[in-house]
Amino acid sequence: MFDSGTARQNMVGGMPTVTILDDYQRVSLPSADWSEVQARYTVEVITEHIADEDELARRLSGSEVIVAMRERTPFPARLLARLPALRLLVTTGMGNAAIDLAAAKEQGVLVCGTTGVGNAVPEITLGMIIALTRHFAQEDAAVRAGGWQHTIGPGLAGATLGVVGLGRLGVPVAKLAQGFDMKVIAWSPNLTQERADPHQVRAVTKAELFAESDVITVHMPLSPASRGLIGAADLALMKPSAYLVNTSRGPIVDEAALVDALRDGRIAGAGLDVYDTEPLPVQHPLRGLRNTLLLPHIGYVTSDSYRFWFAQIVEDIVGWSAGRPIRVID
């Protein structure tokens, strides 16, 4: 739906349009002072995801400025070609793999972004690990239904955490896990023990990581090389008591193979914040599996980050409209 209000009146006056996409939580307008933008533009907020490209092109056909939240809506060349009014595309972050930058440039569309604030993914990763292994969701539901103490789960001290990707996110996750007295091992295609040593982490082979870990957490960027990186053969190496957590990108893990492993009880459970298709389809089999903890891709966002990002988005729009674009993504 549109949060339009006075925006519809502004459209009558012929003002150009700024469209904010995928504002599921209705946070964009309350998170920043949009008055300078609203003085020059009609501001439309779309709070649902529009997956159909024809419908998306129709809804955005008159938008001069579009605000994209991360990679929720892709902008391939074929969609950009259908948006003749578009002149500025603003995304949270300074990189967005879902935007065809070359096509945008060819069409005369400037792409701007926002700089980072904090790092919320490691903390939600550890939170998911604890909630998953100690069955928080099931126990909460049971207490609300009148029950008491139905499950039991392992503690983290002495358990082995396997980190897939010891980089910007994997390193702080490792440090947090070590604070719980977990042993940490790691693997990525280019990881060496020399690179792992400063973080007190043991570098292992991929097979060793999947076979030895009590919990595996994924922290790799999505790329052609990492798509499907974790498949059925890897999941088959996991202990029946082990858990998988993915807060990175859904397609890194073979989703069908993961569903099969969970359904058959070949692994203890999975905590997921990311999926092949987002939002997760209503009839998706993951929704019916009790040995899962499912979050709606919220690992990277907090109220603080929203305030920071949307304030910069306003700056991007105002600066561009004044002929002084900032935070341009080439």
C-alpha atoms as a PDB file:
ATOM      1  CA  MET A   1       0.000   0.000   0.000  1.00  0.00           C
ATOM      2  CA  PHE A   2       1.007   3.632  -0.286  1.00  0.00           C
ATOM      3  CA  ASP A   3       1.515   5.927   2.723  1.00  0.00           C
ATOM      4  CA  SER A   4       0.561   8.880   0.619  1.00  0.00           C
ATOM      5  CA  GLY A   5      -1.662  11.329   2.547  1.00  0.00           C
ATOM      6  CA  THR A   6      -0.644  14.780   1.391  1.00  0.00           C
ATOM      7  CA  ALA A   7       1.547  13.130  -1.227  1.00  0.00           C
ATOM      8  CA  ARG A   8      -1.504  12.537  -3.436  1.00  0.00           C
ATOM      9  CA  GLN A   9      -2.313  16.245  -3.215  1.00  0.00           C
ATOM     10  CA  ASN A  10       1.259  17.082  -4.195  1.00  0.00           C
ATOM     11  CA  MET A  11       0.933  14.935  -7.298  1.00  0.00           C
ATOM     12  CA  VAL A  12      -1.882  17.148  -8.493  1.00  0.00           C
ATOM     13  CA  GLY A  13       0.521  20.060  -8.403  1.00  0.00           C
ATOM     14  CA  GLY A  14       2.833  18.277 -10.812  1.00  0.00           C
ATOM     15  CA  MET A  15       5.683  17.635  -8.376  1.00  0.00           C
ATOM     16  CA  PRO A  16       8.142  14.881  -9.325  1.00  0.00           C
ATOM     17  CA  THR A  17       7.950  11.663  -7.352  1.00  0.00           C
ATOM     18  CA  VAL A  18      10.276   9.946  -4.896  1.00  0.00           C
ATOM     19  CA  THR A  19       9.304   6.316  -4.306  1.00  0.00           C
ATOM     20  CA  ILE A  20      10.600   4.361  -1.315  1.00  0.00           C
ATOM     21  CA  LEU A  21      10.493   0.607  -1.866  1.00  0.00           C
ATOM     22  CA  ASP A  22      10.049  -2.376   0.449  1.00  0.00           C
ATOM     23  CA  ASP A  23       9.458  -0.440   3.653  1.00  0.00           C
ATOM     24  CA  TYR A  24       7.987  -3.493   5.367  1.00  0.00           C
ATOM     25  CA  GLN A  25       8.250  -1.988   8.846  1.00  0.00           C
ATOM     26  CA  ARG A  26       7.049   1.514   7.848  1.00  0.00           C
ATOM     27  CA  VAL A  27      10.205   3.079   9.236  1.00  0.00           C
ATOM     28  CA  SER A  28      11.472   5.271   6.385  1.00  0.00           C
ATOM     29  CA  LEU A  29       9.529   8.466   7.087  1.00  0.00           C
ATOM     30  CA  PRO A  30       9.718   8.355  10.921  1.00  0.00           C
ATOM     31  CA  SER A  31      13.465   7.644  10.793  1.00  0.00           C
ATOM     32  CA  ALA A  32      14.560  10.976   9.277  1.00  0.00           C
ATOM     33  CA  ASP A  33      13.488  14.540   8.581  1.00  0.00           C
ATOM     34  CA  TRP A  34      12.064  14.414   5.052  1.00  0.00           C
ATOM     35  CA  SER A  35      10.780  17.998   5.018  1.00  0.00           C
ATOM     36  CA  GLU A  36      13.348  19.233   2.476  1.00  0.00           C
ATOM     37  CA  VAL A  37      12.514  16.352   0.169  1.00  0.00           C
ATOM     38  CA  GLN A  38       8.758  16.750   0.639  1.00  0.00           C
ATOM     39  CA  ALA A  39       9.035  20.424  -0.243  1.00  0.00           C
ATOM     40  CA  ARG A  40      10.229  19.416  -3.732  1.00  0.00           C
ATOM     41  CA  TYR A  41       8.759  15.968  -4.321  1.00  0.00           C
ATOM     42  CA  THR A  42       5.740  13.788  -3.874  1.00  0.00           C
ATOM     43  CA  VAL A  43       6.965  11.029  -1.547  1.00  0.00           C
ATOM     44  CA  GLU A  44       5.386   7.603  -1.947  1.00  0.00           C
ATOM     45  CA  VAL A  45       6.151   4.689   0.363  1.00  0.00           C
ATOM     46  CA  ILE A  46       5.500   1.148  -0.828  1.00  0.00           C
ATOM     47  CA  THR A  47       5.306  -1.132   2.177  1.00  0.00           C
ATOM     48  CA  GLU A  48       4.832  -4.467   0.414  1.00  0.00           C
ATOM     49  CA  HIS A  49       7.265  -6.285  -1.851  1.00  0.00           C
ATOM     50  CA  ILE A  50       6.391  -6.202  -5.545  1.00  0.00           C
ATOM     51  CA  ALA A  51       7.884  -9.323  -7.106  1.00  0.00           C
ATOM     52  CA  ASP A  52       6.176  -9.078 -10.498  1.00  0.00           C
ATOM     53  CA  GLU A  53       8.373  -6.996 -12.813  1.00  0.00           C
ATOM     54  CA  ASP A  54       5.455  -5.773 -14.939  1.00  0.00           C
ATOM     55  CA  GLU A  55       3.630  -4.521 -11.864  1.00  0.00           C
ATOM     56  CA  LEU A  56       6.821  -2.978 -10.495  1.00  0.00           C
ATOM     57  CA  ALA A  57       7.503  -1.156 -13.769  1.00  0.00           C
ATOM     58  CA  ARG A  58       3.954   0.166 -13.777  1.00  0.00           C
ATOM     59  CA  ARG A  59       4.164   1.402 -10.176  1.00  0.00           C
ATOM     60  CA  LEU A  60       7.554   3.062 -10.741  1.00  0.00           C
ATOM     61  CA  SER A  61       7.009   4.438 -14.247  1.00  0.00           C
ATOM     62  CA  GLY A  62       6.637   8.024 -13.038  1.00  0.00           C
ATOM     63  CA  SER A  63       9.296   7.996 -10.316  1.00  0.00           C
ATOM     64  CA  GLU A  64      12.214  10.380 -10.743  1.00  0.00           C
ATOM     65  CA  VAL A  65      13.924   9.095  -7.589  1.00  0.00           C
ATOM     66  CA  ILE A  66      13.730   5.552  -6.188  1.00  0.00           C
ATOM     67  CA  VAL A  67      14.991   4.477  -2.776  1.00  0.00           C
ATOM     68  CA  ALA A  68      15.942   0.795  -2.507  1.00  0.00           C
ATOM     69  CA  MET A  69      16.452  -1.049   0.765  1.00  0.00           C
ATOM     70  CA  ARG A  70      19.530  -3.214   0.259  1.00  0.00           C
ATOM     71  CA  GLU A  71      18.877  -5.963  -2.299  1.00  0.00           C
ATOM     72  CA  ARG A  72      15.179  -6.500  -1.618  1.00  0.00           C
ATOM     73  CA  THR A  73      14.230  -5.383  -5.145  1.00  0.00           C
ATOM     74  CA  PRO A  74      16.623  -6.102  -8.036  1.00  0.00           C
ATOM     75  CA  PHE A  75      17.221  -3.495 -10.743  1.00  0.00           C
ATOM     76  CA  PRO A  76      18.472  -5.390 -13.801  1.00  0.00           C
ATOM     77  CA  ALA A  77      18.931  -3.685 -17.151  1.00  0.00           C
ATOM     78  CA  ARG A  78      15.529  -4.803 -18.438  1.00  0.00           C
ATOM     79  CA  LEU A  79      13.718  -3.104 -15.527  1.00  0.00           C
ATOM     80  CA  LEU A  80      15.784   0.084 -15.695  1.00  0.00           C
ATOM     81  CA  ALA A  81      14.925   0.370 -19.396  1.00  0.00           C
ATOM     82  CA  ARG A  82      11.251   0.470 -18.426  1.00  0.00           C
ATOM     83  CA  LEU A  83      11.654   3.420 -16.033  1.00  0.00           C
ATOM     84  CA  PRO A  84      11.948   6.480 -18.322  1.00  0.00           C
ATOM     85  CA  ALA A  85      11.470   9.032 -15.550  1.00  0.00           C
ATOM     86  CA  LEU A  86      14.149   7.596 -13.260  1.00  0.00           C
ATOM     87  CA  ARG A  87      17.155   9.848 -12.673  1.00  0.00           C
ATOM     88  CA  LEU A  88      18.403   8.928  -9.172  1.00  0.00           C
ATOM     89  CA  LEU A  89      18.502   5.504  -7.513  1.00  0.00           C
ATOM     90  CA  VAL A  90      19.528   5.490  -3.848  1.00  0.00           C
ATOM     91  CA  THR A  91      20.369   2.302  -1.968  1.00  0.00           C
ATOM     92  CA  THR A  92      21.318   1.607   1.612  1.00  0.00           C
ATOM     93  CA  GLY A  93      24.977   0.662   1.701  1.00  0.00           C
ATOM     94  CA  MET A  94      27.706   1.574  -0.760  1.00  0.00           C
ATOM     95  CA  GLY A  95      27.334  -1.624  -2.747  1.00  0.00           C
ATOM     96  CA  ASN A  96      24.264  -3.382  -4.081  1.00  0.00           C
ATOM     97  CA  ALA A  97      24.728  -6.483  -6.221  1.00  0.00           C
ATOM     98  CA  ALA A  98      21.071  -6.315  -7.292  1.00  0.00           C
ATOM     99  CA  ILE A  99      21.595  -3.070  -9.262  1.00  0.00           C
ATOM    100  CA  ASP A 100      23.036  -3.218 -12.783  1.00  0.00           C
ATOM    101  CA  LEU A 101      25.346  -0.215 -12.449  1.00  0.00           C
ATOM    102  CA  ALA A 102      26.468  -0.299 -16.079  1.00  0.00           C
ATOM    103  CA  ALA A 103      22.877  -0.247 -17.323  1.00  0.00           C
ATOM    104  CA  ALA A 104      21.996   2.546 -14.904  1.00  0.00           C
ATOM    105  CA  LYS A 105      24.888   4.648 -16.166  1.00  0.00           C
ATOM    106  CA  GLU A 106      23.968   3.987 -19.771  1.00  0.00           C
ATOM    107  CA  GLN A 107      20.427   5.154 -19.083  1.00  0.00           C
ATOM    108  CA  GLY A 108      21.622   8.300 -17.298  1.00  0.00           C
ATOM    109  CA  VAL A 109      20.606   7.132 -13.829  1.00  0.00           C
ATOM    110  CA  LEU A 110      22.892   8.179 -10.989  1.00  0.00           C
ATOM    111  CA  VAL A 111      23.260   5.618  -8.187  1.00  0.00           C
ATOM    112  CA  CYS A 112      24.049   6.833  -4.670  1.00  0.00           C
ATOM    113  CA  GLY A 113      24.339   5.010  -1.366  1.00  0.00           C
ATOM    114  CA  THR A 114      24.879   5.322   2.360  1.00  0.00           C
ATOM    115  CA  THR A 115      27.886   4.565   4.527  1.00  0.00           C
ATOM    116  CA  GLY A 116      27.843   1.953   7.265  1.00  0.00           C
ATOM    117  CA  VAL A 117      26.889   2.188  10.909  1.00  0.00           C
ATOM    118  CA  GLY A 118      27.782  -0.476  13.436  1.00  0.00           C
ATOM    119  CA  ASN A 119      27.645  -4.188  12.700  1.00  0.00           C
ATOM    120  CA  ALA A 120      24.466  -5.863  13.882  1.00  0.00           C
ATOM    121  CA  VAL A 121      24.938  -9.235  12.161  1.00  0.00           C
ATOM    122  CA  PRO A 122      27.380 -10.826  14.658  1.00  0.00           C
ATOM    123  CA  GLU A 123      25.144 -10.115  17.638  1.00  0.00           C
ATOM    124  CA  ILE A 124      22.024 -11.496  15.960  1.00  0.00           C
ATOM    125  CA  THR A 125      24.029 -14.542  14.854  1.00  0.00           C
ATOM    126  CA  LEU A 126      24.971 -15.395  18.423  1.00  0.00           C
ATOM    127  CA  GLY A 127      21.432 -14.641  19.522  1.00  0.00           C
ATOM    128  CA  MET A 128      20.086 -17.052  16.912  1.00  0.00           C
ATOM    129  CA  ILE A 129      22.566 -19.741  17.941  1.00  0.00           C
ATOM    130  CA  ILE A 130      21.434 -19.556  21.565  1.00  0.00           C
ATOM    131  CA  ALA A 131      17.737 -19.296  20.689  1.00  0.00           C
ATOM    132  CA  LEU A 132      17.979 -22.211  18.265  1.00  0.00           C
ATOM    133  CA  THR A 133      19.968 -24.605  20.425  1.00  0.00           C
ATOM    134  CA  ARG A 134      17.936 -23.825  23.576  1.00  0.00           C
ATOM    135  CA  HIS A 135      14.586 -23.864  21.735  1.00  0.00           C
ATOM    136  CA  PHE A 136      13.434 -20.387  22.755  1.00  0.00           C
ATOM    137  CA  ALA A 137      10.629 -20.197  20.190  1.00  0.00           C
ATOM    138  CA  GLN A 138       9.126 -23.551  21.160  1.00  0.00           C
ATOM    139  CA  GLU A 139       9.343 -22.848  24.891  1.00  0.00           C
ATOM    140  CA  ASP A 140       7.827 -19.383  24.493  1.00  0.00           C
ATOM    141  CA  ALA A 141       4.899 -20.870  22.560  1.00  0.00           C
ATOM    142  CA  ALA A 142       4.483 -23.611  25.167  1.00  0.00           C
ATOM    143  CA  VAL A 143       4.437 -21.192  28.104  1.00  0.00           C
ATOM    144  CA  ARG A 144       1.838 -19.019  26.365  1.00  0.00           C
ATOM    145  CA  ALA A 145      -0.278 -22.142  25.821  1.00  0.00           C
ATOM    146  CA  GLY A 146      -0.107 -23.061  29.507  1.00  0.00           C
ATOM    147  CA  GLY A 147       2.794 -25.510  29.331  1.00  0.00           C
ATOM    148  CA  TRP A 148       6.119 -25.663  31.126  1.00  0.00           C
ATOM    149  CA  GLN A 149       9.572 -27.056  30.254  1.00  0.00           C
ATOM    150  CA  HIS A 150       9.150 -29.239  27.182  1.00  0.00           C
ATOM    151  CA  THR A 151      12.641 -29.144  25.628  1.00  0.00           C
ATOM    152  CA  ILE A 152      16.289 -29.237  26.588  1.00  0.00           C
ATOM    153  CA  GLY A 153      19.298 -28.106  24.616  1.00  0.00           C
ATOM    154  CA  PRO A 154      23.079 -28.051  24.873  1.00  0.00           C
ATOM    155  CA  GLY A 155      25.209 -25.318  26.377  1.00  0.00           C
ATOM    156  CA  LEU A 156      27.770 -23.535  24.224  1.00  0.00           C
ATOM    157  CA  ALA A 157      30.851 -23.871  26.432  1.00  0.00           C
ATOM    158  CA  GLY A 158      33.198 -26.454  24.929  1.00  0.00           C
ATOM    159  CA  ALA A 159      31.154 -26.800  21.746  1.00  0.00           C
ATOM    160  CA  THR A 160      32.770 -26.225  18.355  1.00  0.00           C
ATOM    161  CA  LEU A 161      31.623 -23.380  16.142  1.00  0.00           C
ATOM    162  CA  GLY A 162      32.458 -23.701  12.467  1.00  0.00           C
ATOM    163  CA  VAL A 163      32.640 -20.363  10.649  1.00  0.00           C
ATOM    164  CA  VAL A 164      32.267 -20.402   6.877  1.00  0.00           C
ATOM    165  CA  GLY A 165      34.037 -17.191   5.862  1.00  0.00           C
ATOM    166  CA  LEU A 166      36.393 -15.610   8.392  1.00  0.00           C
ATOM    167  CA  GLY A 167      36.069 -12.023   7.212  1.00  0.00           C
ATOM    168  CA  ARG A 168      34.335  -8.780   8.198  1.00  0.00           C
ATOM    169  CA  LEU A 169      31.432 -10.637   9.822  1.00  0.00           C
ATOM    170  CA  GLY A 170      33.007 -13.987  10.557  1.00  0.00           C
ATOM    171  CA  VAL A 171      35.777 -12.544  12.739  1.00  0.00           C
ATOM    172  CA  PRO A 172      33.505 -10.740  15.239  1.00  0.00           C
ATOM    173  CA  VAL A 173      31.225 -13.795  15.365  1.00  0.00           C
ATOM    174  CA  ALA A 174      34.273 -15.876  16.264  1.00  0.00           C
ATOM    175  CA  LYS A 175      35.249 -13.434  19.009  1.00  0.00           C
ATOM    176  CA  LEU A 176      31.745 -13.476  20.496  1.00  0.00           C
ATOM    177  CA  ALA A 177      31.673 -17.266  20.426  1.00  0.00           C
ATOM    178  CA  GLN A 178      35.032 -17.415  22.187  1.00  0.00           C
ATOM    179  CA  GLY A 179      33.455 -15.300  24.925  1.00  0.00           C
ATOM    180  CA  PHE A 180      31.118 -18.236  25.517  1.00  0.00           C
ATOM    181  CA  ASP A 181      34.126 -20.605  25.680  1.00  0.00           C
ATOM    182  CA  MET A 182      33.370 -22.142  22.304  1.00  0.00           C
ATOM    183  CA  LYS A 183      36.151 -23.622  20.218  1.00  0.00           C
ATOM    184  CA  VAL A 184      36.192 -21.935  16.807  1.00  0.00           C
ATOM    185  CA  ILE A 185      37.283 -23.435  13.512  1.00  0.00           C
ATOM    186  CA  ALA A 186      36.909 -21.814  10.111  1.00  0.00           C
ATOM    187  CA  TRP A 187      37.017 -22.488   6.400  1.00  0.00           C
ATOM    188  CA  SER A 188      36.742 -20.494   3.211  1.00  0.00           C
ATOM    189  CA  PRO A 189      38.271 -21.182  -0.200  1.00  0.00           C
ATOM    190  CA  ASN A 190      41.263 -18.913   0.453  1.00  0.00           C
ATOM    191  CA  LEU A 191      41.651 -19.095   4.223  1.00  0.00           C
ATOM    192  CA  THR A 192      45.086 -19.992   5.579  1.00  0.00           C
ATOM    193  CA  GLN A 193      46.194 -20.736   9.118  1.00  0.00           C
ATOM    194  CA  GLU A 194      48.400 -17.646   8.976  1.00  0.00           C
ATOM    195  CA  ARG A 195      45.290 -15.478   8.437  1.00  0.00           C
ATOM    196  CA  ALA A 196      43.358 -17.331  11.129  1.00  0.00           C
ATOM    197  CA  ASP A 197      46.060 -17.167  13.811  1.00  0.00           C
ATOM    198  CA  PRO A 198      45.472 -13.540  14.927  1.00  0.00           C
ATOM    199  CA  HIS A 199      41.878 -14.488  15.794  1.00  0.00           C
ATOM    200  CA  GLN A 200      42.767 -17.674  17.729  1.00  0.00           C
ATOM    201  CA  VAL A 201      40.881 -19.718  15.157  1.00  0.00           C
ATOM    202  CA  ARG A 202      41.950 -23.034  13.640  1.00  0.00           C
ATOM    203  CA  ALA A 203      41.742 -23.160   9.843  1.00  0.00           C
ATOM    204  CA  VAL A 204      40.403 -26.495   8.584  1.00  0.00           C
ATOM    205  CA  THR A 205      39.257 -28.085   5.357  1.00  0.00           C
ATOM    206  CA  LYS A 206      35.641 -27.785   4.298  1.00  0.00           C
ATOM    207  CA  ALA A 207      35.004 -31.451   5.087  1.00  0.00           C
ATOM    208  CA  GLU A 208      36.577 -31.108   8.539  1.00  0.00           C
ATOM    209  CA  LEU A 209      34.466 -28.076   9.340  1.00  0.00           C
ATOM    210  CA  PHE A 210      31.183 -29.806   8.496  1.00  0.00           C
ATOM    211  CA  ALA A 211      32.150 -33.018  10.273  1.00  0.00           C
ATOM    212  CA  GLU A 212      33.547 -31.470  13.486  1.00  0.00           C
ATOM    213  CA  SER A 213      31.258 -28.515  14.175  1.00  0.00           C
ATOM    214  CA  ASP A 214      28.398 -28.484  16.645  1.00  0.00           C
ATOM    215  CA  VAL A 215      27.140 -25.256  15.095  1.00  0.00           C
ATOM    216  CA  ILE A 216      27.997 -23.928  11.625  1.00  0.00           C
ATOM    217  CA  THR A 217      27.492 -20.281  10.772  1.00  0.00           C
ATOM    218  CA  VAL A 218      27.728 -18.824   7.267  1.00  0.00           C
ATOM    219  CA  HIS A 219      29.390 -15.458   6.580  1.00  0.00           C
ATOM    220  CA  MET A 220      30.267 -15.402   2.878  1.00  0.00           C
ATOM    221  CA  PRO A 221      29.154 -12.813   0.306  1.00  0.00           C
ATOM    222  CA  LEU A 222      26.929 -14.129  -2.462  1.00  0.00           C
ATOM    223  CA  SER A 223      28.751 -14.438  -5.766  1.00  0.00           C
ATOM    224  CA  PRO A 224      28.763 -16.861  -8.679  1.00  0.00           C
ATOM    225  CA  ALA A 225      31.473 -18.798  -6.845  1.00  0.00           C
ATOM    226  CA  SER A 226      29.572 -19.004  -3.531  1.00  0.00           C
ATOM    227  CA  ARG A 227      26.106 -19.774  -4.935  1.00  0.00           C
ATOM    228  CA  GLY A 228      25.297 -23.317  -3.828  1.00  0.00           C
ATOM    229  CA  LEU A 229      28.582 -23.479  -1.911  1.00  0.00           C
ATOM    230  CA  ILE A 230      26.970 -25.603   0.799  1.00  0.00           C
ATOM    231  CA  GLY A 231      25.210 -28.572  -0.727  1.00  0.00           C
ATOM    232  CA  ALA A 232      23.787 -31.972   0.135  1.00  0.00           C
ATOM    233  CA  ALA A 233      27.221 -33.594   0.411  1.00  0.00           C
ATOM    234  CA  ASP A 234      28.341 -31.009   2.969  1.00  0.00           C
ATOM    235  CA  LEU A 235      25.144 -31.328   5.022  1.00  0.00           C
ATOM    236  CA  ALA A 236      25.586 -35.120   4.996  1.00  0.00           C
ATOM    237  CA  LEU A 237      28.878 -34.684   6.881  1.00  0.00           C
ATOM    238  CA  MET A 238      27.222 -32.870   9.785  1.00  0.00           C
ATOM    239  CA  LYS A 239      26.527 -34.553  13.099  1.00  0.00           C
ATOM    240  CA  PRO A 240      22.844 -35.391  13.748  1.00  0.00           C
ATOM    241  CA  SER A 241      23.179 -33.118  16.789  1.00  0.00           C
ATOM    242  CA  ALA A 242      24.604 -30.166  14.818  1.00  0.00           C
ATOM    243  CA  TYR A 243      22.928 -26.929  13.765  1.00  0.00           C
ATOM    244  CA  LEU A 244      23.321 -24.632  10.760  1.00  0.00           C
ATOM    245  CA  VAL A 245      22.850 -20.856  10.960  1.00  0.00           C
ATOM    246  CA  ASN A 246      22.743 -18.631   7.868  1.00  0.00           C
ATOM    247  CA  THR A 247      22.581 -14.852   8.213  1.00  0.00           C
ATOM    248  CA  SER A 248      24.463 -14.215   4.964  1.00  0.00           C
ATOM    249  CA  ARG A 249      22.510 -14.975   1.768  1.00  0.00           C
ATOM    250  CA  GLY A 250      20.041 -17.772   1.141  1.00  0.00           C
ATOM    251  CA  PRO A 251      21.426 -19.123  -2.159  1.00  0.00           C
ATOM    252  CA  ILE A 252      24.800 -19.908  -0.570  1.00  0.00           C
ATOM    253  CA  VAL A 253      23.089 -22.981   0.908  1.00  0.00           C
ATOM    254  CA  ASP A 254      21.230 -25.469  -1.294  1.00  0.00           C
ATOM    255  CA  GLU A 255      17.781 -24.782   0.144  1.00  0.00           C
ATOM    256  CA  ALA A 256      16.150 -27.995  -1.120  1.00  0.00           C
ATOM    257  CA  ALA A 257      18.970 -30.090   0.344  1.00  0.00           C
ATOM    258  CA  LEU A 258      18.658 -28.241   3.663  1.00  0.00           C
ATOM    259  CA  VAL A 259      14.898 -28.844   3.792  1.00  0.00           C
ATOM    260  CA  ASP A 260      15.486 -32.553   3.171  1.00  0.00           C
ATOM    261  CA  ALA A 261      18.121 -32.775   5.913  1.00  0.00           C
ATOM    262  CA  LEU A 262      15.862 -30.986   8.401  1.00  0.00           C
ATOM    263  CA  ARG A 263      12.768 -32.980   7.467  1.00  0.00           C
ATOM    264  CA  ASP A 264      14.624 -36.288   7.804  1.00  0.00           C
ATOM    265  CA  GLY A 265      16.256 -35.288  11.105  1.00  0.00           C
ATOM    266  CA  ARG A 266      19.748 -35.706   9.699  1.00  0.00           C
ATOM    267  CA  ILE A 267      20.747 -32.442  11.419  1.00  0.00           C
ATOM    268  CA  ALA A 268      19.312 -31.039  14.628  1.00  0.00           C
ATOM    269  CA  GLY A 269      18.082 -27.740  13.240  1.00  0.00           C
ATOM    270  CA  ALA A 270      18.699 -24.551  11.302  1.00  0.00           C
ATOM    271  CA  GLY A 271      18.446 -20.866  12.097  1.00  0.00           C
ATOM    272  CA  LEU A 272      17.797 -18.786   8.991  1.00  0.00           C
ATOM    273  CA  ASP A 273      17.552 -15.052   8.418  1.00  0.00           C
ATOM    274  CA  VAL A 274      17.936 -15.292   4.630  1.00  0.00           C
ATOM    275  CA  TYR A 275      16.251 -17.311   1.890  1.00  0.00           C
ATOM    276  CA  ASP A 276      16.345 -18.029  -1.837  1.00  0.00           C
ATOM    277  CA  THR A 277      13.130 -16.020  -2.280  1.00  0.00           C
ATOM    278  CA  GLU A 278      12.302 -13.096  -0.008  1.00  0.00           C
ATOM    279  CA  PRO A 279       9.840 -12.568   1.501  1.00  0.00           C
ATOM    280  CA  LEU A 280       9.651 -16.303   2.172  1.00  0.00           C
ATOM    281  CA  PRO A 281       6.609 -17.697   0.298  1.00  0.00           C
ATOM    282  CA  VAL A 282       3.668 -18.530   2.569  1.00  0.00           C
ATOM    283  CA  GLN A 283       3.565 -22.181   1.494  1.00  0.00           C
ATOM    284  CA  HIS A 284       7.325 -22.724   1.700  1.00  0.00           C
ATOM    285  CA  PRO A 285       8.211 -26.045   3.396  1.00  0.00           C
ATOM    286  CA  LEU A 286      10.584 -24.325   5.837  1.00  0.00           C
ATOM    287  CA  ARG A 287       7.589 -22.723   7.517  1.00  0.00           C
ATOM    288  CA  GLY A 288       6.271 -26.132   8.528  1.00  0.00           C
ATOM    289  CA  LEU A 289       9.471 -27.516  10.063  1.00  0.00           C
ATOM    290  CA  ARG A 290       9.631 -27.309  13.848  1.00  0.00           C
ATOM    291  CA  ASN A 291      13.416 -27.698  14.016  1.00  0.00           C
ATOM    292  CA  THR A 292      13.956 -24.246  12.524  1.00  0.00           C
ATOM    293  CA  LEU A 293      14.259 -20.710  13.777  1.00  0.00           C
ATOM    294  CA  LEU A 294      13.102 -18.394  10.990  1.00  0.00           C
ATOM    295  CA  LEU A 295      13.707 -14.629  10.981  1.00  0.00           C
ATOM    296  CA  PRO A 296      12.625 -12.191   8.222  1.00  0.00           C
ATOM    297  CA  HIS A 297      16.073 -10.940   7.123  1.00  0.00           C
ATOM    298  CA  ILE A 298      16.494  -8.516  10.013  1.00  0.00           C
ATOM    299  CA  GLY A 299      20.075  -9.292  10.973  1.00  0.00           C
ATOM    300  CA  TYR A 300      21.551  -6.161   9.453  1.00  0.00           C
ATOM    301  CA  VAL A 301      18.962  -3.623  10.624  1.00  0.00           C
ATOM    302  CA  THR A 302      18.415  -1.870  13.932  1.00  0.00           C
ATOM    303  CA  SER A 303      16.539   1.302  14.798  1.00  0.00           C
ATOM    304  CA  ASP A 304      19.924   3.046  14.957  1.00  0.00           C
ATOM    305  CA  SER A 305      20.948   1.915  11.479  1.00  0.00           C
ATOM    306  CA  TYR A 306      17.609   2.949  10.021  1.00  0.00           C
ATOM    307  CA  ARG A 307      17.970   6.474  11.430  1.00  0.00           C
ATOM    308  CA  PHE A 308      21.509   6.712  10.075  1.00  0.00           C
ATOM    309  CA  TRP A 309      20.672   5.339   6.627  1.00  0.00           C
ATOM    310  CA  PHE A 310      17.522   7.336   5.994  1.00  0.00           C
ATOM    311  CA  ALA A 311      19.168  10.559   7.153  1.00  0.00           C
ATOM    312  CA  GLN A 312      21.868   9.938   4.531  1.00  0.00           C
ATOM    313  CA  ILE A 313      19.264   9.029   1.919  1.00  0.00           C
ATOM    314  CA  VAL A 314      17.635  12.410   2.486  1.00  0.00           C
ATOM    315  CA  GLU A 315      21.058  14.042   2.080  1.00  0.00           C
ATOM    316  CA  ASP A 316      21.614  12.114  -1.149  1.00  0.00           C
ATOM    317  CA  ILE A 317      18.303  13.256  -2.625  1.00  0.00           C
ATOM    318  CA  VAL A 318      18.662  16.877  -1.535  1.00  0.00           C
ATOM    319  CA  GLY A 319      22.289  17.039  -2.697  1.00  0.00           C
ATOM    320  CA  TRP A 320      21.481  15.539  -6.088  1.00  0.00           C
ATOM    321  CA  SER A 321      18.499  17.821  -6.645  1.00  0.00           C
ATOM    322  CA  ALA A 322      20.756  20.799  -5.862  1.00  0.00           C
ATOM    323  CA  GLY A 323      23.332  19.604  -8.402  1.00  0.00           C
ATOM    324  CA  ARG A 324      25.797  18.391  -5.758  1.00  0.00           C
ATOM    325  CA  PRO A 325      25.455  14.585  -5.589  1.00  0.00           C
ATOM    326  CA  ILE A 326      27.199  12.832  -2.711  1.00  0.00           C
ATOM    327  CA  ARG A 327      28.103   9.189  -1.987  1.00  0.00           C
ATOM    328  CA  VAL A 328      27.975   8.251  -5.662  1.00  0.00           C
ATOM    329  CA  ILE A 329      28.367   4.542  -6.455  1.00  0.00           C
ATOM    330  CA  ASP A 330      30.297   4.033  -9.698  1.00  0.00           C
END
